[in-house]
Amino acid sequence: MTEETKAKVFKVFEESYPQDLSIVEASLKAGVSDPTGAMYIRILEAEGKVEFKRLVGRSKMFILVKEKKETEADG
């Protein structure tokens, strides 16, 4: 596992926001295999940086999690 590959996958989500991406789309844009892309998407999801949004057929769609503004966090 390399931070460089994880950063590439994360950058794809940053550049695509607010569009959601499937594992296949994100992997293709990052230049990694589907299993590798899926692994890093799961890691980013666990870190709270991307989140599952919806199912389209059998494809799971993920989207970048934007930081909440401080006013929203306060209440």
C-alpha atoms as a PDB file:
ATOM      1  CA  MET A   1       0.000   0.000   0.000  1.00  0.00           C
ATOM      2  CA  THR A   2       1.437   3.347  -0.982  1.00  0.00           C
ATOM      3  CA  GLU A   3       0.367   6.817  -0.001  1.00  0.00           C
ATOM      4  CA  GLU A   4       1.064   7.938  -3.581  1.00  0.00           C
ATOM      5  CA  THR A   5      -1.587   5.612  -5.028  1.00  0.00           C
ATOM      6  CA  LYS A   6      -4.072   6.563  -2.323  1.00  0.00           C
ATOM      7  CA  ALA A   7      -3.425  10.240  -3.105  1.00  0.00           C
ATOM      8  CA  LYS A   8      -4.086   9.611  -6.821  1.00  0.00           C
ATOM      9  CA  VAL A   9      -7.432   7.974  -6.073  1.00  0.00           C
ATOM     10  CA  PHE A  10      -8.363  10.779  -3.657  1.00  0.00           C
ATOM     11  CA  LYS A  11      -7.417  13.439  -6.239  1.00  0.00           C
ATOM     12  CA  VAL A  12      -9.814  11.837  -8.740  1.00  0.00           C
ATOM     13  CA  PHE A  13     -12.668  12.368  -6.267  1.00  0.00           C
ATOM     14  CA  GLU A  14     -11.558  15.959  -5.588  1.00  0.00           C
ATOM     15  CA  GLU A  15     -11.501  16.766  -9.303  1.00  0.00           C
ATOM     16  CA  SER A  16     -14.843  15.072  -9.950  1.00  0.00           C
ATOM     17  CA  TYR A  17     -16.757  16.699  -7.079  1.00  0.00           C
ATOM     18  CA  PRO A  18     -19.788  17.062  -6.925  1.00  0.00           C
ATOM     19  CA  GLN A  19     -20.166  14.086  -9.285  1.00  0.00           C
ATOM     20  CA  ASP A  20     -20.150  10.640  -7.704  1.00  0.00           C
ATOM     21  CA  LEU A  21     -17.981   7.898  -9.184  1.00  0.00           C
ATOM     22  CA  SER A  22     -18.093   4.138  -9.343  1.00  0.00           C
ATOM     23  CA  ILE A  23     -15.080   2.058  -8.367  1.00  0.00           C
ATOM     24  CA  VAL A  24     -14.411   1.329 -12.055  1.00  0.00           C
ATOM     25  CA  GLU A  25     -14.604   5.018 -13.054  1.00  0.00           C
ATOM     26  CA  ALA A  26     -12.361   6.166 -10.203  1.00  0.00           C
ATOM     27  CA  SER A  27      -9.835   3.388 -10.872  1.00  0.00           C
ATOM     28  CA  LEU A  28      -9.699   4.181 -14.586  1.00  0.00           C
ATOM     29  CA  LYS A  29      -9.171   7.911 -13.980  1.00  0.00           C
ATOM     30  CA  ALA A  30      -6.474   7.189 -11.360  1.00  0.00           C
ATOM     31  CA  GLY A  31      -4.696   4.725 -13.642  1.00  0.00           C
ATOM     32  CA  VAL A  32      -4.948   1.752 -11.283  1.00  0.00           C
ATOM     33  CA  SER A  33      -6.628  -1.648 -11.530  1.00  0.00           C
ATOM     34  CA  ASP A  34     -10.198  -2.080 -10.286  1.00  0.00           C
ATOM     35  CA  PRO A  35      -9.184  -4.209  -7.250  1.00  0.00           C
ATOM     36  CA  THR A  36      -6.529  -1.642  -6.286  1.00  0.00           C
ATOM     37  CA  GLY A  37      -8.978   1.229  -6.732  1.00  0.00           C
ATOM     38  CA  ALA A  38     -11.577  -0.597  -4.654  1.00  0.00           C
ATOM     39  CA  MET A  39      -9.062  -1.148  -1.859  1.00  0.00           C
ATOM     40  CA  TYR A  40      -8.097   2.531  -1.698  1.00  0.00           C
ATOM     41  CA  ILE A  41     -11.709   3.687  -1.923  1.00  0.00           C
ATOM     42  CA  ARG A  42     -12.503   1.462   1.086  1.00  0.00           C
ATOM     43  CA  ILE A  43      -9.544   2.981   2.957  1.00  0.00           C
ATOM     44  CA  LEU A  44     -10.666   6.526   2.066  1.00  0.00           C
ATOM     45  CA  GLU A  45     -14.204   5.618   3.158  1.00  0.00           C
ATOM     46  CA  ALA A  46     -12.899   4.367   6.528  1.00  0.00           C
ATOM     47  CA  GLU A  47     -10.976   7.635   6.926  1.00  0.00           C
ATOM     48  CA  GLY A  48     -14.174   9.596   6.249  1.00  0.00           C
ATOM     49  CA  LYS A  49     -12.828  11.219   3.061  1.00  0.00           C
ATOM     50  CA  VAL A  50     -15.309   9.609   0.651  1.00  0.00           C
ATOM     51  CA  GLU A  51     -18.699   8.072   1.294  1.00  0.00           C
ATOM     52  CA  PHE A  52     -21.038   5.614  -0.369  1.00  0.00           C
ATOM     53  CA  LYS A  53     -23.844   7.555  -2.038  1.00  0.00           C
ATOM     54  CA  ARG A  54     -26.027   5.149  -4.044  1.00  0.00           C
ATOM     55  CA  LEU A  55     -26.271   1.972  -6.067  1.00  0.00           C
ATOM     56  CA  VAL A  56     -26.628   2.129  -9.849  1.00  0.00           C
ATOM     57  CA  GLY A  57     -27.360  -1.409 -10.923  1.00  0.00           C
ATOM     58  CA  ARG A  58     -24.505  -3.360  -9.357  1.00  0.00           C
ATOM     59  CA  SER A  59     -22.171  -0.350  -9.220  1.00  0.00           C
ATOM     60  CA  LYS A  60     -21.533   1.354  -5.899  1.00  0.00           C
ATOM     61  CA  MET A  61     -21.193   5.108  -6.307  1.00  0.00           C
ATOM     62  CA  PHE A  62     -18.936   7.098  -3.992  1.00  0.00           C
ATOM     63  CA  ILE A  63     -18.543  10.847  -3.487  1.00  0.00           C
ATOM     64  CA  LEU A  64     -16.016  13.138  -1.837  1.00  0.00           C
ATOM     65  CA  VAL A  65     -16.927  14.219   1.692  1.00  0.00           C
ATOM     66  CA  LYS A  66     -16.587  17.980   1.971  1.00  0.00           C
ATOM     67  CA  GLU A  67     -15.617  19.395   5.345  1.00  0.00           C
ATOM     68  CA  LYS A  68     -18.561  20.781   7.294  1.00  0.00           C
ATOM     69  CA  LYS A  69     -18.457  24.476   7.984  1.00  0.00           C
ATOM     70  CA  GLU A  70     -17.809  25.475  11.598  1.00  0.00           C
ATOM     71  CA  THR A  71     -21.305  26.984  11.893  1.00  0.00           C
ATOM     72  CA  GLU A  72     -22.849  23.638  10.948  1.00  0.00           C
ATOM     73  CA  ALA A  73     -20.611  21.782  13.403  1.00  0.00           C
ATOM     74  CA  ASP A  74     -21.617  24.079  16.280  1.00  0.00           C
ATOM     75  CA  GLY A  75     -25.229  23.277  16.073  1.00  0.00           C
END
